[in-house]
Amino acid sequence: MLDQTIPGPIAWRGADLPDSAGRFTLSAEALTELGRLAADLAANPLPMEALHHSDFDLPACRAVMQAAKAEIEYGVGFAIIDRLPLDDLGEQARKVYWLLAGMVSRPVAQKWDGTMIYDVTDTGVPPGNGVRPDKTNVEQNFHNDNSYNMCPPDMVGLLCMRTAMQGGVSHIVSFASVHNHLRETAPDLLARLYQPFCFDRQREHAPDDVKYLWHSCFEAPEGRLLARMSRFQVKNGYPLAGVEIDRRGADALEALEDAMRAPGQALNFYFEPGQIQLVNNRLLGHRRTGFRDWPEPERKRLLVRLWLRDWGRPFYNG
């Protein structure tokens, strides 16, 4: 357990961040490059997974994405890229997004079946075992992506294609700042977060594999805080394992949730079409509020997600 105040720009409170924090704008030069890129991709069809950014001359775009990568790894832990001209890019928007994100880190599988690019949209099915909350319109708790399985991504990318009719506000929170708060207010419960909890693996595994995973919410390899958090998956994990959560564990999760949702702790923003959000998945938690969608299928809220990780193999389990 880290028994010291975590310093640096990663230990932020949303209320204290300037409006410019983590914000990057695609320059006129970068947008010109993207126009040429879209034309090139349209004239030379190739599956998205076969595309690599090194095959294209995009110096202005590369400069923006490398600056964003530095902010994600050594700064506030997130970047919002403003923005892709979706109408101009048309059917090539997803491929352009894939190439830009690849300049930050390598895309990897997001499901056990090898799915590499994933649509976040409401399917009308309630959340539960085998149904990820991102396929519903219900309010989410703060979490890291794939915290419930073997190999969480280092970064999560989202491209906003369409927004909901009402709601769906994005929230991100610094685990370092929350850790500092709990160390001062509830050190005993903070210590419990360094001990294992049972996570539902969401059926993202081989048919004969175990359905749950035991892992701590916090760990500190080489003295650097890393987090795994999904209260929804922990809630489902214990019944799968046939055991009850201990009272101290339940209290620790409650204290963590309260700290993340405390006024001024999170950064809240409305994700707009064409914007790319990149988040350090082990240092920040994210969530969105519930939403009410448009009745027309072609207008329904749609985000396109990538998981990024440079170590291990690109398989779901690394």
Protein backbone atom coordinates (compact mmCIF):
# COMPACT_ATOMS: atom_id res chain seq x y z
CA MET A 1 0.00 0.00 0.00
CA LEU A 2 1.18 3.51 -0.81
CA ASP A 3 1.34 5.37 2.49
CA GLN A 4 2.19 8.80 1.16
CA THR A 5 0.50 11.66 -0.65
CA ILE A 6 0.60 11.07 -4.39
CA PRO A 7 1.99 14.25 -5.98
CA GLY A 8 1.97 15.72 -9.45
CA PRO A 9 -0.53 16.74 -12.12
CA ILE A 10 -2.30 13.35 -12.04
CA ALA A 11 -3.65 14.08 -8.52
CA TRP A 12 -6.26 16.60 -9.69
CA ARG A 13 -9.77 17.54 -8.67
CA GLY A 14 -12.15 18.40 -11.47
CA ALA A 15 -13.18 21.68 -9.85
CA ASP A 16 -9.56 22.83 -9.84
CA LEU A 17 -8.66 22.03 -13.46
CA PRO A 18 -8.51 24.87 -16.00
CA ASP A 19 -10.77 24.56 -19.02
CA SER A 20 -7.71 23.96 -21.18
CA ALA A 21 -6.55 20.86 -19.27
CA GLY A 22 -6.10 17.87 -21.57
CA ARG A 23 -7.53 19.74 -24.57
CA PHE A 24 -5.93 19.50 -27.99
CA THR A 25 -7.10 21.07 -31.25
CA LEU A 26 -6.47 19.69 -34.72
CA SER A 27 -4.71 22.47 -36.61
CA ALA A 28 -5.58 23.57 -40.14
CA GLU A 29 -2.54 21.62 -41.35
CA ALA A 30 -3.73 18.49 -39.55
CA LEU A 31 -7.23 18.80 -41.01
CA THR A 32 -5.75 19.18 -44.49
CA GLU A 33 -3.76 15.98 -43.91
CA LEU A 34 -6.93 14.17 -42.80
CA GLY A 35 -8.76 15.27 -45.96
CA ARG A 36 -5.98 13.78 -48.11
CA LEU A 37 -5.92 10.67 -45.93
CA ALA A 38 -9.67 10.09 -46.32
CA ALA A 39 -9.38 10.37 -50.10
CA ASP A 40 -6.45 7.93 -50.07
CA LEU A 41 -8.38 5.43 -47.95
CA ALA A 42 -11.47 5.69 -50.16
CA ALA A 43 -9.39 5.04 -53.28
CA ASN A 44 -7.54 2.10 -51.71
CA PRO A 45 -9.94 -0.10 -49.71
CA LEU A 46 -8.32 -2.14 -46.94
CA PRO A 47 -9.69 -3.66 -43.71
CA MET A 48 -9.29 -1.31 -40.79
CA GLU A 49 -7.13 -3.73 -38.77
CA ALA A 50 -4.63 -3.86 -41.67
CA LEU A 51 -4.02 -0.10 -41.56
CA HIS A 52 -0.99 1.33 -39.73
CA HIS A 53 -0.20 4.98 -39.25
CA SER A 54 3.44 4.53 -40.29
CA ASP A 55 2.26 3.96 -43.87
CA PHE A 56 0.98 7.54 -44.17
CA ASP A 57 2.67 10.94 -44.19
CA LEU A 58 0.83 12.82 -41.42
CA PRO A 59 3.36 15.03 -39.60
CA ALA A 60 0.88 17.61 -38.23
CA CYS A 61 -1.49 14.92 -36.97
CA ARG A 62 1.41 12.99 -35.47
CA ALA A 63 2.55 16.06 -33.54
CA VAL A 64 -0.91 16.51 -31.99
CA MET A 65 -1.24 12.85 -31.03
CA GLN A 66 2.25 12.65 -29.54
CA ALA A 67 1.52 15.71 -27.41
CA ALA A 68 -1.73 14.03 -26.32
CA LYS A 69 0.18 10.84 -25.45
CA ALA A 70 2.57 12.77 -23.21
CA GLU A 71 -0.39 14.35 -21.40
CA ILE A 72 -2.02 10.96 -20.88
CA GLU A 73 1.14 9.32 -19.57
CA TYR A 74 2.77 12.13 -17.58
CA GLY A 75 0.17 14.88 -17.16
CA VAL A 76 -3.49 14.88 -16.15
CA GLY A 77 -4.05 11.42 -17.66
CA PHE A 78 -6.56 12.29 -20.40
CA ALA A 79 -6.79 14.06 -23.74
CA ILE A 80 -9.76 15.39 -25.69
CA ILE A 81 -8.97 15.91 -29.38
CA ASP A 82 -11.18 18.54 -30.99
CA ARG A 83 -12.24 17.38 -33.57
CA LEU A 84 -12.71 15.15 -36.60
CA PRO A 85 -14.83 16.68 -39.40
CA LEU A 86 -17.26 13.75 -39.56
CA ASP A 87 -19.32 15.09 -42.48
CA ASP A 88 -16.21 15.60 -44.59
CA LEU A 89 -14.65 12.24 -43.69
CA GLY A 90 -17.85 10.28 -44.29
CA GLU A 91 -17.37 6.52 -44.30
CA GLN A 92 -13.61 6.92 -43.68
CA ALA A 93 -14.06 8.50 -40.21
CA ARG A 94 -13.57 5.22 -38.34
CA LYS A 95 -10.40 4.41 -40.25
CA VAL A 96 -9.02 7.90 -39.64
CA TYR A 97 -9.76 7.51 -35.92
CA TRP A 98 -8.06 4.09 -35.89
CA LEU A 99 -4.91 5.58 -37.45
CA LEU A 100 -4.80 8.59 -35.11
CA ALA A 101 -5.27 6.45 -32.01
CA GLY A 102 -2.54 4.11 -33.23
CA MET A 103 -0.12 7.02 -33.05
CA VAL A 104 -0.68 7.00 -29.28
CA SER A 105 -0.63 3.25 -28.63
CA ARG A 106 -1.43 -0.10 -30.26
CA PRO A 107 -5.10 -1.15 -30.57
CA VAL A 108 -5.83 -4.54 -28.95
CA ALA A 109 -8.79 -6.93 -28.71
CA GLN A 110 -11.76 -5.74 -26.64
CA LYS A 111 -13.55 -9.10 -26.46
CA TRP A 112 -12.45 -12.71 -26.11
CA ASP A 113 -13.62 -13.32 -29.71
CA GLY A 114 -11.00 -10.83 -30.94
CA THR A 115 -13.21 -7.80 -31.63
CA MET A 116 -10.85 -4.87 -32.16
CA ILE A 117 -13.27 -1.96 -32.64
CA TYR A 118 -16.42 -1.69 -30.58
CA ASP A 119 -19.62 0.34 -30.88
CA VAL A 120 -20.88 1.81 -27.61
CA THR A 121 -24.63 2.14 -28.06
CA ASP A 122 -27.84 1.17 -26.28
CA THR A 123 -29.19 -2.22 -27.36
CA GLY A 124 -32.26 -2.02 -25.12
CA VAL A 125 -31.13 -4.98 -22.99
CA PRO A 126 -30.73 -4.46 -19.21
CA PRO A 127 -27.19 -4.88 -17.80
CA GLY A 128 -26.22 -8.21 -16.26
CA ASN A 129 -23.82 -11.13 -16.59
CA GLY A 130 -22.71 -11.14 -20.23
CA VAL A 131 -24.28 -7.72 -20.94
CA ARG A 132 -21.84 -4.85 -20.58
CA PRO A 133 -23.30 -1.62 -19.14
CA ASP A 134 -21.96 0.26 -22.19
CA LYS A 135 -24.61 -1.56 -24.26
CA THR A 136 -27.38 -0.01 -22.16
CA ASN A 137 -28.65 3.50 -21.39
CA VAL A 138 -28.51 3.14 -17.58
CA GLU A 139 -26.30 5.32 -15.40
CA GLN A 140 -22.83 3.91 -14.84
CA ASN A 141 -20.60 3.88 -11.78
CA PHE A 142 -16.97 4.94 -12.08
CA HIS A 143 -14.86 2.11 -13.50
CA ASN A 144 -11.83 1.14 -15.56
CA ASP A 145 -12.44 -0.77 -18.77
CA ASN A 146 -11.76 -4.52 -18.48
CA SER A 147 -10.94 -4.21 -14.78
CA TYR A 148 -12.80 -7.51 -14.39
CA ASN A 149 -10.50 -9.62 -16.53
CA MET A 150 -6.88 -10.61 -17.08
CA CYS A 151 -5.50 -7.72 -19.07
CA PRO A 152 -6.93 -4.18 -18.77
CA PRO A 153 -5.88 -1.79 -21.55
CA ASP A 154 -3.49 1.01 -20.68
CA MET A 155 -5.67 3.55 -22.50
CA VAL A 156 -9.25 3.76 -23.74
CA GLY A 157 -10.21 5.77 -26.81
CA LEU A 158 -13.70 6.95 -27.71
CA LEU A 159 -14.83 8.74 -30.86
CA CYS A 160 -18.20 10.45 -30.53
CA MET A 161 -20.29 9.87 -33.66
CA ARG A 162 -23.73 10.83 -32.29
CA THR A 163 -25.05 12.05 -28.94
CA ALA A 164 -28.22 11.05 -27.09
CA MET A 165 -31.39 13.14 -27.13
CA GLN A 166 -30.98 13.82 -23.40
CA GLY A 167 -28.32 12.94 -20.80
CA GLY A 168 -25.19 10.84 -21.29
CA VAL A 169 -22.81 13.34 -19.63
CA SER A 170 -19.21 12.06 -19.32
CA HIS A 171 -17.36 12.09 -16.00
CA ILE A 172 -13.69 11.26 -15.35
CA VAL A 173 -11.96 11.08 -11.96
CA SER A 174 -8.37 10.85 -10.74
CA PHE A 175 -7.70 7.74 -8.65
CA ALA A 176 -4.58 9.43 -7.28
CA SER A 177 -6.64 12.29 -5.88
CA VAL A 178 -9.24 9.88 -4.46
CA HIS A 179 -6.43 7.79 -2.93
CA ASN A 180 -5.02 10.89 -1.24
CA HIS A 181 -8.46 11.68 0.19
CA LEU A 182 -9.02 8.15 1.54
CA ARG A 183 -5.54 8.04 3.05
CA GLU A 184 -6.48 11.09 5.13
CA THR A 185 -10.08 10.14 5.97
CA ALA A 186 -10.32 6.33 5.98
CA PRO A 187 -6.87 4.65 5.95
CA ASP A 188 -8.22 1.31 7.20
CA LEU A 189 -10.72 1.12 4.33
CA LEU A 190 -8.04 2.24 1.87
CA ALA A 191 -5.91 -0.71 3.01
CA ARG A 192 -8.82 -3.08 2.25
CA LEU A 193 -8.88 -1.79 -1.35
CA TYR A 194 -5.39 -3.27 -1.74
CA GLN A 195 -6.79 -6.73 -0.95
CA PRO A 196 -8.70 -8.96 -3.41
CA PHE A 197 -12.31 -8.53 -4.53
CA CYS A 198 -14.29 -10.91 -6.73
CA PHE A 199 -15.09 -9.62 -10.25
CA ASP A 200 -17.59 -11.08 -12.73
CA ARG A 201 -15.63 -11.75 -15.94
CA GLN A 202 -18.70 -10.98 -18.09
CA ARG A 203 -18.42 -14.28 -20.00
CA GLU A 204 -15.36 -12.87 -21.81
CA HIS A 205 -13.39 -16.13 -21.57
CA ALA A 206 -13.16 -19.63 -22.99
CA PRO A 207 -16.31 -21.72 -22.43
CA ASP A 208 -14.71 -23.94 -19.76
CA ASP A 209 -12.81 -21.15 -17.95
CA VAL A 210 -13.66 -19.80 -14.49
CA LYS A 211 -16.39 -17.13 -14.55
CA TYR A 212 -14.86 -14.77 -11.99
CA LEU A 213 -11.52 -13.21 -11.09
CA TRP A 214 -10.05 -12.14 -7.73
CA HIS A 215 -8.06 -8.90 -7.81
CA SER A 216 -7.47 -5.85 -5.66
CA CYS A 217 -8.87 -2.46 -6.63
CA PHE A 218 -5.55 -0.73 -5.93
CA GLU A 219 -1.97 -1.90 -6.41
CA ALA A 220 1.34 -0.07 -6.44
CA PRO A 221 4.00 -1.86 -8.49
CA GLU A 222 7.29 0.04 -8.29
CA GLY A 223 5.58 2.65 -6.13
CA ARG A 224 3.08 3.83 -8.78
CA LEU A 225 -0.64 3.60 -8.10
CA LEU A 226 -2.70 1.51 -10.53
CA ALA A 227 -6.42 0.89 -10.20
CA ARG A 228 -9.00 -1.73 -11.17
CA MET A 229 -12.55 -0.71 -10.37
CA SER A 230 -16.01 -1.81 -11.49
CA ARG A 231 -18.51 -1.91 -8.65
CA PHE A 232 -21.09 -3.45 -10.99
CA GLN A 233 -18.80 -6.38 -11.79
CA VAL A 234 -17.83 -6.85 -8.13
CA LYS A 235 -21.51 -6.89 -7.17
CA ASN A 236 -22.09 -9.68 -9.71
CA GLY A 237 -18.83 -11.51 -8.99
CA TYR A 238 -19.52 -12.67 -5.45
CA PRO A 239 -22.77 -14.54 -6.31
CA LEU A 240 -20.93 -16.27 -9.18
CA ALA A 241 -18.28 -17.43 -6.72
CA GLY A 242 -20.92 -18.47 -4.20
CA VAL A 243 -19.56 -16.28 -1.40
CA GLU A 244 -20.59 -13.08 0.34
CA ILE A 245 -18.47 -9.96 0.39
CA ASP A 246 -16.97 -9.16 3.80
CA ARG A 247 -18.35 -6.14 5.65
CA ARG A 248 -15.03 -4.26 5.53
CA GLY A 249 -14.82 -4.86 1.79
CA ALA A 250 -18.34 -3.55 1.25
CA ASP A 251 -17.57 -0.49 3.39
CA ALA A 252 -14.34 0.12 1.44
CA LEU A 253 -16.19 0.07 -1.89
CA GLU A 254 -18.80 2.44 -0.49
CA ALA A 255 -16.11 4.83 0.74
CA LEU A 256 -14.39 4.72 -2.65
CA GLU A 257 -17.65 5.42 -4.48
CA ASP A 258 -18.48 8.31 -2.13
CA ALA A 259 -15.01 9.81 -2.64
CA MET A 260 -15.24 9.59 -6.43
CA ARG A 261 -18.71 11.18 -6.45
CA ALA A 262 -17.89 13.93 -3.94
CA PRO A 263 -18.74 17.44 -5.21
CA GLY A 264 -15.91 18.90 -7.28
CA GLN A 265 -13.95 15.63 -7.46
CA ALA A 266 -14.73 14.57 -11.04
CA LEU A 267 -14.42 16.47 -14.29
CA ASN A 268 -17.76 16.53 -16.11
CA PHE A 269 -18.22 17.35 -19.77
CA TYR A 270 -20.58 16.81 -22.68
CA PHE A 271 -18.94 14.74 -25.41
CA GLU A 272 -19.58 16.28 -28.85
CA PRO A 273 -19.65 14.63 -32.32
CA GLY A 274 -16.19 14.40 -33.85
CA GLN A 275 -14.34 14.66 -30.54
CA ILE A 276 -11.90 11.92 -29.53
CA GLN A 277 -11.46 11.16 -25.83
CA LEU A 278 -8.35 9.25 -24.71
CA VAL A 279 -8.07 8.23 -21.05
CA ASN A 280 -5.33 6.54 -19.03
CA ASN A 281 -7.31 3.47 -18.02
CA ARG A 282 -5.21 2.55 -14.97
CA LEU A 283 -4.94 6.05 -13.46
CA LEU A 284 -8.42 7.48 -14.11
CA GLY A 285 -11.95 6.20 -13.67
CA HIS A 286 -14.74 7.14 -16.04
CA ARG A 287 -18.52 6.93 -16.21
CA ARG A 288 -21.49 8.52 -17.90
CA THR A 289 -24.93 9.46 -16.68
CA GLY A 290 -28.03 7.67 -17.90
CA PHE A 291 -29.60 8.96 -21.09
CA ARG A 292 -32.75 9.00 -23.21
CA ASP A 293 -32.09 8.24 -26.84
CA TRP A 294 -33.63 9.40 -30.09
CA PRO A 295 -36.47 7.20 -31.38
CA GLU A 296 -34.95 7.00 -34.87
CA PRO A 297 -32.29 4.23 -35.15
CA GLU A 298 -30.06 6.37 -37.38
CA ARG A 299 -29.88 9.08 -34.69
CA LYS A 300 -29.16 6.85 -31.69
CA ARG A 301 -26.20 7.70 -29.47
CA LEU A 302 -23.04 6.09 -30.86
CA LEU A 303 -19.44 6.12 -29.64
CA VAL A 304 -16.67 4.08 -31.23
CA ARG A 305 -14.24 2.58 -28.71
CA LEU A 306 -10.66 1.38 -28.94
CA TRP A 307 -8.51 -0.27 -26.29
CA LEU A 308 -4.82 0.60 -26.49
CA ARG A 309 -1.86 -1.26 -24.98
CA ASP A 310 1.77 -1.51 -26.15
CA TRP A 311 2.88 -4.47 -24.01
CA GLY A 312 2.00 -8.16 -24.37
CA ARG A 313 0.29 -9.56 -27.42
CA PRO A 314 -2.83 -7.95 -28.93
CA PHE A 315 -5.04 -10.84 -27.75
CA TYR A 316 -7.83 -10.09 -25.26
CA ASN A 317 -5.83 -11.75 -22.49
CA GLY A 318 -2.54 -10.26 -23.63
